[in-house]
Amino acid sequence: MHSFIPPERFFAYLTWTDIDSMPDKENVVIIQPVGAIEQHGPHLPLIVDAAIGMGVLGKALEKLDSSVPAYAMPSLYYGKSNEHWHFPGTITLSTETLSATLMEVGDSLYRAGFRKLVLMNSHGGQPQVMQMVARDLHVKYSDFIVFPLFTWRVPHISKELVTPKEAQLGMHAGDLETSIILALLPEQVKMERAVTEYPPEQPEGSLLSPEGKLPFAWTTRDLSKSGVIGDATTATKEKGIKILESVSDGWVTALKDIYSFRQPGNG
């Protein structure tokens, strides 16, 4: 049930009396992984985002000093994935359903006495939902500190391991995601089906892009026929192991920072 998470760090294995008697609950770090069940090209399983979140978090919690109290919630596997819904197998929640679910998870944790919650999101289609939920929970409970974090935003070396083109244009099911899944779930990767497909280029001099500072709304089929946006053919397990180690190191640092963090201002 705990997947990649060390069992002693898995929130759902605690009893209610464990939680009731937990010391310094205000500073215990609770991490809610949020993933997705969505297409990742012809070579990767639907569970990629959820697996990456749990894999990175599990590795980070293995490395985290035992003096830092931090617990992983069971992953929320479904997310807002409607940009992929033209591809069979994608399961998507609406913005409203995902937001309501996370709000009620937050309500429950606050009621239990916890005051630090990390929304660890691994799907690129929903960081804005995490940000809005985090703000709404903090507005609702002024002493509730909520961190809407993206799994890949901690310091890491991943882009040093791929080509400049992939680092710039690889967005989905390309080298990075394929490599890390080769490290986490190698039997679920069909490398013989891996393809390379980049999004159509915008006119020279254009300020607009799918994911840049001036983005436009898109669905995956606007950018890719295969569901891949990047180069999956260059992925390797060895590269994935390096990525997993580097990203999880970043998360160790982040979790330490969150444990010692104090909300600025007077609330």
C-alpha atoms as a PDB file:
ATOM      1  CA  MET A   1       0.000   0.000   0.000  1.00  0.00           C
ATOM      2  CA  HIS A   2       2.870   2.401   0.710  1.00  0.00           C
ATOM      3  CA  SER A   3       4.424   2.022  -2.770  1.00  0.00           C
ATOM      4  CA  PHE A   4       7.860   3.703  -2.769  1.00  0.00           C
ATOM      5  CA  ILE A   5       7.269   5.426   0.586  1.00  0.00           C
ATOM      6  CA  PRO A   6       9.172   4.097   3.643  1.00  0.00           C
ATOM      7  CA  PRO A   7       6.445   2.464   5.761  1.00  0.00           C
ATOM      8  CA  GLU A   8       7.384   4.420   8.876  1.00  0.00           C
ATOM      9  CA  ARG A   9       6.770   7.637   6.910  1.00  0.00           C
ATOM     10  CA  PHE A  10       3.394   6.578   5.458  1.00  0.00           C
ATOM     11  CA  PHE A  11       0.575   8.592   7.044  1.00  0.00           C
ATOM     12  CA  ALA A  12      -2.104   5.975   6.428  1.00  0.00           C
ATOM     13  CA  TYR A  13      -0.231   3.395   8.529  1.00  0.00           C
ATOM     14  CA  LEU A  14      -0.597   5.560  11.653  1.00  0.00           C
ATOM     15  CA  THR A  15      -3.423   4.983  14.128  1.00  0.00           C
ATOM     16  CA  TRP A  16      -5.675   7.730  15.398  1.00  0.00           C
ATOM     17  CA  THR A  17      -3.989   7.466  18.785  1.00  0.00           C
ATOM     18  CA  ASP A  18      -0.583   7.892  17.115  1.00  0.00           C
ATOM     19  CA  ILE A  19      -1.833  11.127  15.624  1.00  0.00           C
ATOM     20  CA  ASP A  20      -3.617  12.267  18.773  1.00  0.00           C
ATOM     21  CA  SER A  21      -0.446  11.972  20.840  1.00  0.00           C
ATOM     22  CA  MET A  22       2.007  13.201  18.187  1.00  0.00           C
ATOM     23  CA  PRO A  23       4.306  15.907  19.596  1.00  0.00           C
ATOM     24  CA  ASP A  24       4.725  19.319  17.967  1.00  0.00           C
ATOM     25  CA  LYS A  25       2.028  18.636  15.392  1.00  0.00           C
ATOM     26  CA  GLU A  26       2.145  22.254  14.273  1.00  0.00           C
ATOM     27  CA  ASN A  27       5.512  21.617  12.649  1.00  0.00           C
ATOM     28  CA  VAL A  28       5.028  18.070  11.384  1.00  0.00           C
ATOM     29  CA  VAL A  29       5.234  18.160   7.593  1.00  0.00           C
ATOM     30  CA  ILE A  30       2.407  16.377   5.782  1.00  0.00           C
ATOM     31  CA  ILE A  31       2.932  15.769   2.070  1.00  0.00           C
ATOM     32  CA  GLN A  32       0.001  15.109  -0.256  1.00  0.00           C
ATOM     33  CA  PRO A  33       1.307  13.743  -3.582  1.00  0.00           C
ATOM     34  CA  VAL A  34      -0.952  14.690  -6.480  1.00  0.00           C
ATOM     35  CA  GLY A  35      -0.467  12.905  -9.790  1.00  0.00           C
ATOM     36  CA  ALA A  36      -2.550  11.946 -12.799  1.00  0.00           C
ATOM     37  CA  ILE A  37      -3.738   8.970 -14.790  1.00  0.00           C
ATOM     38  CA  GLU A  38      -3.230  10.136 -18.348  1.00  0.00           C
ATOM     39  CA  GLN A  39      -1.638   9.167 -21.636  1.00  0.00           C
ATOM     40  CA  HIS A  40       2.125   9.352 -21.909  1.00  0.00           C
ATOM     41  CA  GLY A  41       2.637   8.263 -25.492  1.00  0.00           C
ATOM     42  CA  PRO A  42       2.675   4.710 -26.868  1.00  0.00           C
ATOM     43  CA  HIS A  43       5.608   3.605 -24.687  1.00  0.00           C
ATOM     44  CA  LEU A  44       4.805   4.738 -21.126  1.00  0.00           C
ATOM     45  CA  PRO A  45       2.006   3.724 -18.731  1.00  0.00           C
ATOM     46  CA  LEU A  46      -0.789   6.056 -17.715  1.00  0.00           C
ATOM     47  CA  ILE A  47       0.545   6.253 -14.153  1.00  0.00           C
ATOM     48  CA  VAL A  48       3.734   8.193 -14.982  1.00  0.00           C
ATOM     49  CA  ASP A  49       3.050  11.404 -13.036  1.00  0.00           C
ATOM     50  CA  ALA A  50       1.797   9.625  -9.923  1.00  0.00           C
ATOM     51  CA  ALA A  51       4.717   7.175 -10.040  1.00  0.00           C
ATOM     52  CA  ILE A  52       7.274   9.970 -10.349  1.00  0.00           C
ATOM     53  CA  GLY A  53       5.785  11.825  -7.393  1.00  0.00           C
ATOM     54  CA  MET A  54       5.768   8.764  -5.163  1.00  0.00           C
ATOM     55  CA  GLY A  55       9.185   7.609  -6.361  1.00  0.00           C
ATOM     56  CA  VAL A  56      10.859  10.968  -5.753  1.00  0.00           C
ATOM     57  CA  LEU A  57       9.117  11.461  -2.408  1.00  0.00           C
ATOM     58  CA  GLY A  58       9.936   7.947  -1.263  1.00  0.00           C
ATOM     59  CA  LYS A  59      13.623   8.395  -2.082  1.00  0.00           C
ATOM     60  CA  ALA A  60      13.659  11.790  -0.358  1.00  0.00           C
ATOM     61  CA  LEU A  61      12.033  10.415   2.796  1.00  0.00           C
ATOM     62  CA  GLU A  62      14.589   7.599   2.881  1.00  0.00           C
ATOM     63  CA  LYS A  63      17.345  10.232   2.916  1.00  0.00           C
ATOM     64  CA  LEU A  64      15.636  12.691   5.289  1.00  0.00           C
ATOM     65  CA  ASP A  65      17.044  12.756   8.809  1.00  0.00           C
ATOM     66  CA  SER A  66      14.734  11.020  11.276  1.00  0.00           C
ATOM     67  CA  SER A  67      14.705  14.171  13.424  1.00  0.00           C
ATOM     68  CA  VAL A  68      12.508  15.854  10.791  1.00  0.00           C
ATOM     69  CA  PRO A  69       8.908  14.617  11.247  1.00  0.00           C
ATOM     70  CA  ALA A  70       7.385  14.225   7.788  1.00  0.00           C
ATOM     71  CA  TYR A  71       4.680  11.886   6.507  1.00  0.00           C
ATOM     72  CA  ALA A  72       3.458  11.075   3.013  1.00  0.00           C
ATOM     73  CA  MET A  73      -0.268  10.829   2.411  1.00  0.00           C
ATOM     74  CA  PRO A  74      -1.571   8.205  -0.027  1.00  0.00           C
ATOM     75  CA  SER A  75      -1.220   9.584  -3.535  1.00  0.00           C
ATOM     76  CA  LEU A  76      -4.157  11.296  -5.169  1.00  0.00           C
ATOM     77  CA  TYR A  77      -3.810   9.456  -8.475  1.00  0.00           C
ATOM     78  CA  TYR A  78      -6.436  11.334 -10.487  1.00  0.00           C
ATOM     79  CA  GLY A  79      -5.897  14.943 -11.537  1.00  0.00           C
ATOM     80  CA  LYS A  80      -7.063  17.581 -13.984  1.00  0.00           C
ATOM     81  CA  SER A  81      -5.915  16.017 -17.255  1.00  0.00           C
ATOM     82  CA  ASN A  82      -8.437  17.237 -19.806  1.00  0.00           C
ATOM     83  CA  GLU A  83      -5.691  18.450 -22.158  1.00  0.00           C
ATOM     84  CA  HIS A  84      -5.032  14.741 -22.787  1.00  0.00           C
ATOM     85  CA  TRP A  85      -8.603  13.465 -22.961  1.00  0.00           C
ATOM     86  CA  HIS A  86      -8.546  12.883 -26.721  1.00  0.00           C
ATOM     87  CA  PHE A  87      -6.222   9.939 -25.978  1.00  0.00           C
ATOM     88  CA  PRO A  88      -7.955   6.794 -24.636  1.00  0.00           C
ATOM     89  CA  GLY A  89      -7.226   5.857 -21.052  1.00  0.00           C
ATOM     90  CA  THR A  90      -6.865   9.378 -19.706  1.00  0.00           C
ATOM     91  CA  ILE A  91      -8.936   9.924 -16.562  1.00  0.00           C
ATOM     92  CA  THR A  92      -9.650  13.531 -15.661  1.00  0.00           C
ATOM     93  CA  LEU A  93     -11.254  15.376 -12.806  1.00  0.00           C
ATOM     94  CA  SER A  94     -12.682  18.845 -13.275  1.00  0.00           C
ATOM     95  CA  THR A  95     -10.969  21.830 -11.693  1.00  0.00           C
ATOM     96  CA  GLU A  96     -13.869  22.044  -9.260  1.00  0.00           C
ATOM     97  CA  THR A  97     -13.678  18.385  -8.204  1.00  0.00           C
ATOM     98  CA  LEU A  98      -9.911  18.427  -7.723  1.00  0.00           C
ATOM     99  CA  SER A  99     -10.079  21.690  -5.796  1.00  0.00           C
ATOM    100  CA  ALA A 100     -12.899  20.455  -3.564  1.00  0.00           C
ATOM    101  CA  THR A 101     -11.079  17.192  -2.843  1.00  0.00           C
ATOM    102  CA  LEU A 102      -7.868  18.963  -1.835  1.00  0.00           C
ATOM    103  CA  MET A 103      -9.768  21.504   0.250  1.00  0.00           C
ATOM    104  CA  GLU A 104     -11.481  18.726   2.183  1.00  0.00           C
ATOM    105  CA  VAL A 105      -8.197  16.861   2.682  1.00  0.00           C
ATOM    106  CA  GLY A 106      -6.803  20.110   4.060  1.00  0.00           C
ATOM    107  CA  ASP A 107      -9.826  20.580   6.330  1.00  0.00           C
ATOM    108  CA  SER A 108      -9.329  17.082   7.725  1.00  0.00           C
ATOM    109  CA  LEU A 109      -5.638  17.564   8.414  1.00  0.00           C
ATOM    110  CA  TYR A 110      -6.219  20.931  10.059  1.00  0.00           C
ATOM    111  CA  ARG A 111      -8.913  19.444  12.275  1.00  0.00           C
ATOM    112  CA  ALA A 112      -6.402  16.784  13.374  1.00  0.00           C
ATOM    113  CA  GLY A 113      -3.999  19.510  14.505  1.00  0.00           C
ATOM    114  CA  PHE A 114      -1.547  19.697  11.607  1.00  0.00           C
ATOM    115  CA  ARG A 115      -0.456  23.114  10.373  1.00  0.00           C
ATOM    116  CA  LYS A 116       1.992  22.377   7.534  1.00  0.00           C
ATOM    117  CA  LEU A 117       0.791  20.787   4.295  1.00  0.00           C
ATOM    118  CA  VAL A 118       2.724  20.276   1.077  1.00  0.00           C
ATOM    119  CA  LEU A 119       0.732  19.781  -2.117  1.00  0.00           C
ATOM    120  CA  MET A 120       3.372  17.874  -4.109  1.00  0.00           C
ATOM    121  CA  ASN A 121       2.108  18.039  -7.668  1.00  0.00           C
ATOM    122  CA  SER A 122       3.744  16.012 -10.442  1.00  0.00           C
ATOM    123  CA  HIS A 123       1.406  16.847 -13.355  1.00  0.00           C
ATOM    124  CA  GLY A 124       2.121  19.924 -15.469  1.00  0.00           C
ATOM    125  CA  GLY A 125      -1.560  20.564 -16.178  1.00  0.00           C
ATOM    126  CA  GLN A 126      -2.576  21.548 -12.651  1.00  0.00           C
ATOM    127  CA  PRO A 127      -0.064  23.705 -10.729  1.00  0.00           C
ATOM    128  CA  GLN A 128      -2.507  26.613 -10.838  1.00  0.00           C
ATOM    129  CA  VAL A 129      -5.097  24.466  -9.039  1.00  0.00           C
ATOM    130  CA  MET A 130      -2.557  23.736  -6.286  1.00  0.00           C
ATOM    131  CA  GLN A 131      -1.800  27.433  -5.932  1.00  0.00           C
ATOM    132  CA  MET A 132      -5.467  28.416  -5.625  1.00  0.00           C
ATOM    133  CA  VAL A 133      -6.215  25.665  -3.105  1.00  0.00           C
ATOM    134  CA  ALA A 134      -3.170  26.603  -1.029  1.00  0.00           C
ATOM    135  CA  ARG A 135      -4.262  30.246  -0.905  1.00  0.00           C
ATOM    136  CA  ASP A 136      -7.862  29.350  -0.073  1.00  0.00           C
ATOM    137  CA  LEU A 137      -6.821  27.031   2.756  1.00  0.00           C
ATOM    138  CA  HIS A 138      -4.562  29.696   4.226  1.00  0.00           C
ATOM    139  CA  VAL A 139      -7.311  32.310   3.962  1.00  0.00           C
ATOM    140  CA  LYS A 140      -9.702  29.900   5.682  1.00  0.00           C
ATOM    141  CA  TYR A 141      -7.210  29.020   8.438  1.00  0.00           C
ATOM    142  CA  SER A 142      -4.672  31.811   8.951  1.00  0.00           C
ATOM    143  CA  ASP A 143      -2.278  29.531  10.864  1.00  0.00           C
ATOM    144  CA  PHE A 144      -2.341  26.798   8.196  1.00  0.00           C
ATOM    145  CA  ILE A 145       0.818  26.975   6.051  1.00  0.00           C
ATOM    146  CA  VAL A 146       0.268  25.296   2.684  1.00  0.00           C
ATOM    147  CA  PHE A 147       3.001  24.857   0.085  1.00  0.00           C
ATOM    148  CA  PRO A 148       1.855  24.350  -3.557  1.00  0.00           C
ATOM    149  CA  LEU A 149       5.009  22.772  -4.981  1.00  0.00           C
ATOM    150  CA  PHE A 150       5.816  21.141  -8.311  1.00  0.00           C
ATOM    151  CA  THR A 151       7.932  17.986  -8.082  1.00  0.00           C
ATOM    152  CA  TRP A 152      10.415  19.161 -10.729  1.00  0.00           C
ATOM    153  CA  ARG A 153      10.934  22.698  -9.342  1.00  0.00           C
ATOM    154  CA  VAL A 154      13.496  21.804  -6.672  1.00  0.00           C
ATOM    155  CA  PRO A 155      17.171  22.177  -7.651  1.00  0.00           C
ATOM    156  CA  HIS A 156      18.347  19.242  -9.780  1.00  0.00           C
ATOM    157  CA  ILE A 157      20.696  18.360 -12.620  1.00  0.00           C
ATOM    158  CA  SER A 158      18.183  16.736 -14.965  1.00  0.00           C
ATOM    159  CA  LYS A 159      18.411  19.217 -17.827  1.00  0.00           C
ATOM    160  CA  GLU A 160      22.176  18.779 -17.900  1.00  0.00           C
ATOM    161  CA  LEU A 161      21.577  15.161 -18.936  1.00  0.00           C
ATOM    162  CA  VAL A 162      19.510  15.907 -22.073  1.00  0.00           C
ATOM    163  CA  THR A 163      20.099  17.781 -25.314  1.00  0.00           C
ATOM    164  CA  PRO A 164      19.513  21.548 -25.435  1.00  0.00           C
ATOM    165  CA  LYS A 165      16.515  20.994 -27.712  1.00  0.00           C
ATOM    166  CA  GLU A 166      14.989  18.524 -25.279  1.00  0.00           C
ATOM    167  CA  ALA A 167      15.670  20.833 -22.343  1.00  0.00           C
ATOM    168  CA  GLN A 168      13.840  23.631 -24.168  1.00  0.00           C
ATOM    169  CA  LEU A 169      10.992  21.817 -25.922  1.00  0.00           C
ATOM    170  CA  GLY A 170      10.557  18.463 -24.159  1.00  0.00           C
ATOM    171  CA  MET A 171       7.283  18.783 -22.259  1.00  0.00           C
ATOM    172  CA  HIS A 172       5.653  15.382 -21.947  1.00  0.00           C
ATOM    173  CA  ALA A 173       6.728  11.720 -22.095  1.00  0.00           C
ATOM    174  CA  GLY A 174      10.145  12.648 -23.456  1.00  0.00           C
ATOM    175  CA  ASP A 175      13.659  11.877 -22.264  1.00  0.00           C
ATOM    176  CA  LEU A 176      13.316  12.923 -18.607  1.00  0.00           C
ATOM    177  CA  GLU A 177      10.038  11.191 -17.824  1.00  0.00           C
ATOM    178  CA  THR A 178      10.951   8.077 -19.793  1.00  0.00           C
ATOM    179  CA  SER A 179      14.337   7.804 -18.097  1.00  0.00           C
ATOM    180  CA  ILE A 180      12.961   8.159 -14.579  1.00  0.00           C
ATOM    181  CA  ILE A 181      10.220   5.589 -15.249  1.00  0.00           C
ATOM    182  CA  LEU A 182      12.907   3.230 -16.561  1.00  0.00           C
ATOM    183  CA  ALA A 183      14.477   3.603 -13.098  1.00  0.00           C
ATOM    184  CA  LEU A 184      11.212   3.262 -11.159  1.00  0.00           C
ATOM    185  CA  LEU A 185       9.040   0.889 -13.226  1.00  0.00           C
ATOM    186  CA  PRO A 186      11.292  -0.621 -15.908  1.00  0.00           C
ATOM    187  CA  GLU A 187       8.952  -3.497 -16.727  1.00  0.00           C
ATOM    188  CA  GLN A 188       6.200  -1.038 -17.635  1.00  0.00           C
ATOM    189  CA  VAL A 189       8.201   0.794 -20.321  1.00  0.00           C
ATOM    190  CA  LYS A 190       7.957  -0.293 -23.965  1.00  0.00           C
ATOM    191  CA  MET A 191      11.073   1.319 -25.411  1.00  0.00           C
ATOM    192  CA  GLU A 192      10.516  -0.325 -28.800  1.00  0.00           C
ATOM    193  CA  ARG A 193       7.519   2.012 -29.152  1.00  0.00           C
ATOM    194  CA  ALA A 194       9.375   5.191 -28.109  1.00  0.00           C
ATOM    195  CA  VAL A 195       9.159   8.095 -30.559  1.00  0.00           C
ATOM    196  CA  THR A 196      10.407  11.638 -31.019  1.00  0.00           C
ATOM    197  CA  GLU A 197       7.878  14.389 -31.639  1.00  0.00           C
ATOM    198  CA  TYR A 198       8.278  18.082 -30.899  1.00  0.00           C
ATOM    199  CA  PRO A 199       5.540  20.750 -31.058  1.00  0.00           C
ATOM    200  CA  PRO A 200       5.180  22.865 -34.205  1.00  0.00           C
ATOM    201  CA  GLU A 201       7.448  25.900 -34.126  1.00  0.00           C
ATOM    202  CA  GLN A 202       5.907  29.345 -33.725  1.00  0.00           C
ATOM    203  CA  PRO A 203       6.719  32.053 -36.303  1.00  0.00           C
ATOM    204  CA  GLU A 204      10.183  33.543 -35.891  1.00  0.00           C
ATOM    205  CA  GLY A 205      10.149  36.423 -33.430  1.00  0.00           C
ATOM    206  CA  SER A 206       6.865  35.380 -31.812  1.00  0.00           C
ATOM    207  CA  LEU A 207       6.612  35.902 -28.054  1.00  0.00           C
ATOM    208  CA  LEU A 208       3.967  33.190 -27.730  1.00  0.00           C
ATOM    209  CA  SER A 209       4.552  29.561 -26.771  1.00  0.00           C
ATOM    210  CA  PRO A 210       2.627  26.683 -25.159  1.00  0.00           C
ATOM    211  CA  GLU A 211       4.400  26.959 -21.784  1.00  0.00           C
ATOM    212  CA  GLY A 212       6.353  30.223 -21.778  1.00  0.00           C
ATOM    213  CA  LYS A 213       5.725  33.591 -20.166  1.00  0.00           C
ATOM    214  CA  LEU A 214       3.076  34.391 -22.796  1.00  0.00           C
ATOM    215  CA  PRO A 215       1.282  31.071 -23.296  1.00  0.00           C
ATOM    216  CA  PHE A 216      -1.749  30.051 -25.305  1.00  0.00           C
ATOM    217  CA  ALA A 217      -4.317  27.416 -24.354  1.00  0.00           C
ATOM    218  CA  TRP A 218      -3.746  24.042 -25.981  1.00  0.00           C
ATOM    219  CA  THR A 219      -4.653  20.387 -25.886  1.00  0.00           C
ATOM    220  CA  THR A 220      -2.083  17.688 -26.510  1.00  0.00           C
ATOM    221  CA  ARG A 221      -3.454  16.755 -29.921  1.00  0.00           C
ATOM    222  CA  ASP A 222      -2.775  20.350 -31.044  1.00  0.00           C
ATOM    223  CA  LEU A 223       0.923  19.705 -30.449  1.00  0.00           C
ATOM    224  CA  SER A 224       1.428  15.966 -30.977  1.00  0.00           C
ATOM    225  CA  LYS A 225      -0.093  13.020 -32.817  1.00  0.00           C
ATOM    226  CA  SER A 226       1.663  10.409 -30.670  1.00  0.00           C
ATOM    227  CA  GLY A 227       1.047  12.028 -27.295  1.00  0.00           C
ATOM    228  CA  VAL A 228       4.790  12.540 -26.877  1.00  0.00           C
ATOM    229  CA  ILE A 229       6.189  16.070 -26.768  1.00  0.00           C
ATOM    230  CA  GLY A 230       9.934  15.488 -26.735  1.00  0.00           C
ATOM    231  CA  ASP A 231      12.439  12.754 -27.540  1.00  0.00           C
ATOM    232  CA  ALA A 232      11.747   9.487 -25.738  1.00  0.00           C
ATOM    233  CA  THR A 233      14.208   7.461 -27.806  1.00  0.00           C
ATOM    234  CA  THR A 234      17.303   8.731 -25.968  1.00  0.00           C
ATOM    235  CA  ALA A 235      16.098   7.733 -22.489  1.00  0.00           C
ATOM    236  CA  THR A 236      18.091   5.289 -20.365  1.00  0.00           C
ATOM    237  CA  LYS A 237      17.705   3.705 -16.942  1.00  0.00           C
ATOM    238  CA  GLU A 238      21.146   4.993 -15.936  1.00  0.00           C
ATOM    239  CA  LYS A 239      20.046   8.524 -16.707  1.00  0.00           C
ATOM    240  CA  GLY A 240      16.847   7.923 -14.753  1.00  0.00           C
ATOM    241  CA  ILE A 241      18.746   6.817 -11.651  1.00  0.00           C
ATOM    242  CA  LYS A 242      20.780  10.044 -11.751  1.00  0.00           C
ATOM    243  CA  ILE A 243      17.608  12.096 -12.187  1.00  0.00           C
ATOM    244  CA  LEU A 244      15.880  10.337  -9.290  1.00  0.00           C
ATOM    245  CA  GLU A 245      18.863  10.888  -6.991  1.00  0.00           C
ATOM    246  CA  SER A 246      19.201  14.553  -7.933  1.00  0.00           C
ATOM    247  CA  VAL A 247      15.508  15.487  -7.686  1.00  0.00           C
ATOM    248  CA  SER A 248      15.107  13.613  -4.390  1.00  0.00           C
ATOM    249  CA  ASP A 249      18.146  15.442  -2.988  1.00  0.00           C
ATOM    250  CA  GLY A 250      16.379  18.689  -3.841  1.00  0.00           C
ATOM    251  CA  TRP A 251      13.318  17.502  -1.979  1.00  0.00           C
ATOM    252  CA  VAL A 252      15.332  16.626   1.120  1.00  0.00           C
ATOM    253  CA  THR A 253      16.474  20.246   1.250  1.00  0.00           C
ATOM    254  CA  ALA A 254      12.948  21.525   0.628  1.00  0.00           C
ATOM    255  CA  LEU A 255      11.439  19.368   3.390  1.00  0.00           C
ATOM    256  CA  LYS A 256      14.046  20.589   5.864  1.00  0.00           C
ATOM    257  CA  ASP A 257      13.213  24.181   4.907  1.00  0.00           C
ATOM    258  CA  ILE A 258       9.489  23.543   5.341  1.00  0.00           C
ATOM    259  CA  TYR A 259      10.012  21.963   8.764  1.00  0.00           C
ATOM    260  CA  SER A 260      11.857  25.048  10.023  1.00  0.00           C
ATOM    261  CA  PHE A 261       9.641  27.569   8.186  1.00  0.00           C
ATOM    262  CA  ARG A 262       7.603  30.110  10.142  1.00  0.00           C
ATOM    263  CA  GLN A 263       4.800  32.118   8.531  1.00  0.00           C
ATOM    264  CA  PRO A 264       5.874  35.757   8.142  1.00  0.00           C
ATOM    265  CA  GLY A 265       3.708  38.588   9.415  1.00  0.00           C
ATOM    266  CA  ASN A 266       0.991  38.660  12.040  1.00  0.00           C
ATOM    267  CA  GLY A 267      -1.645  36.679  10.132  1.00  0.00           C
END
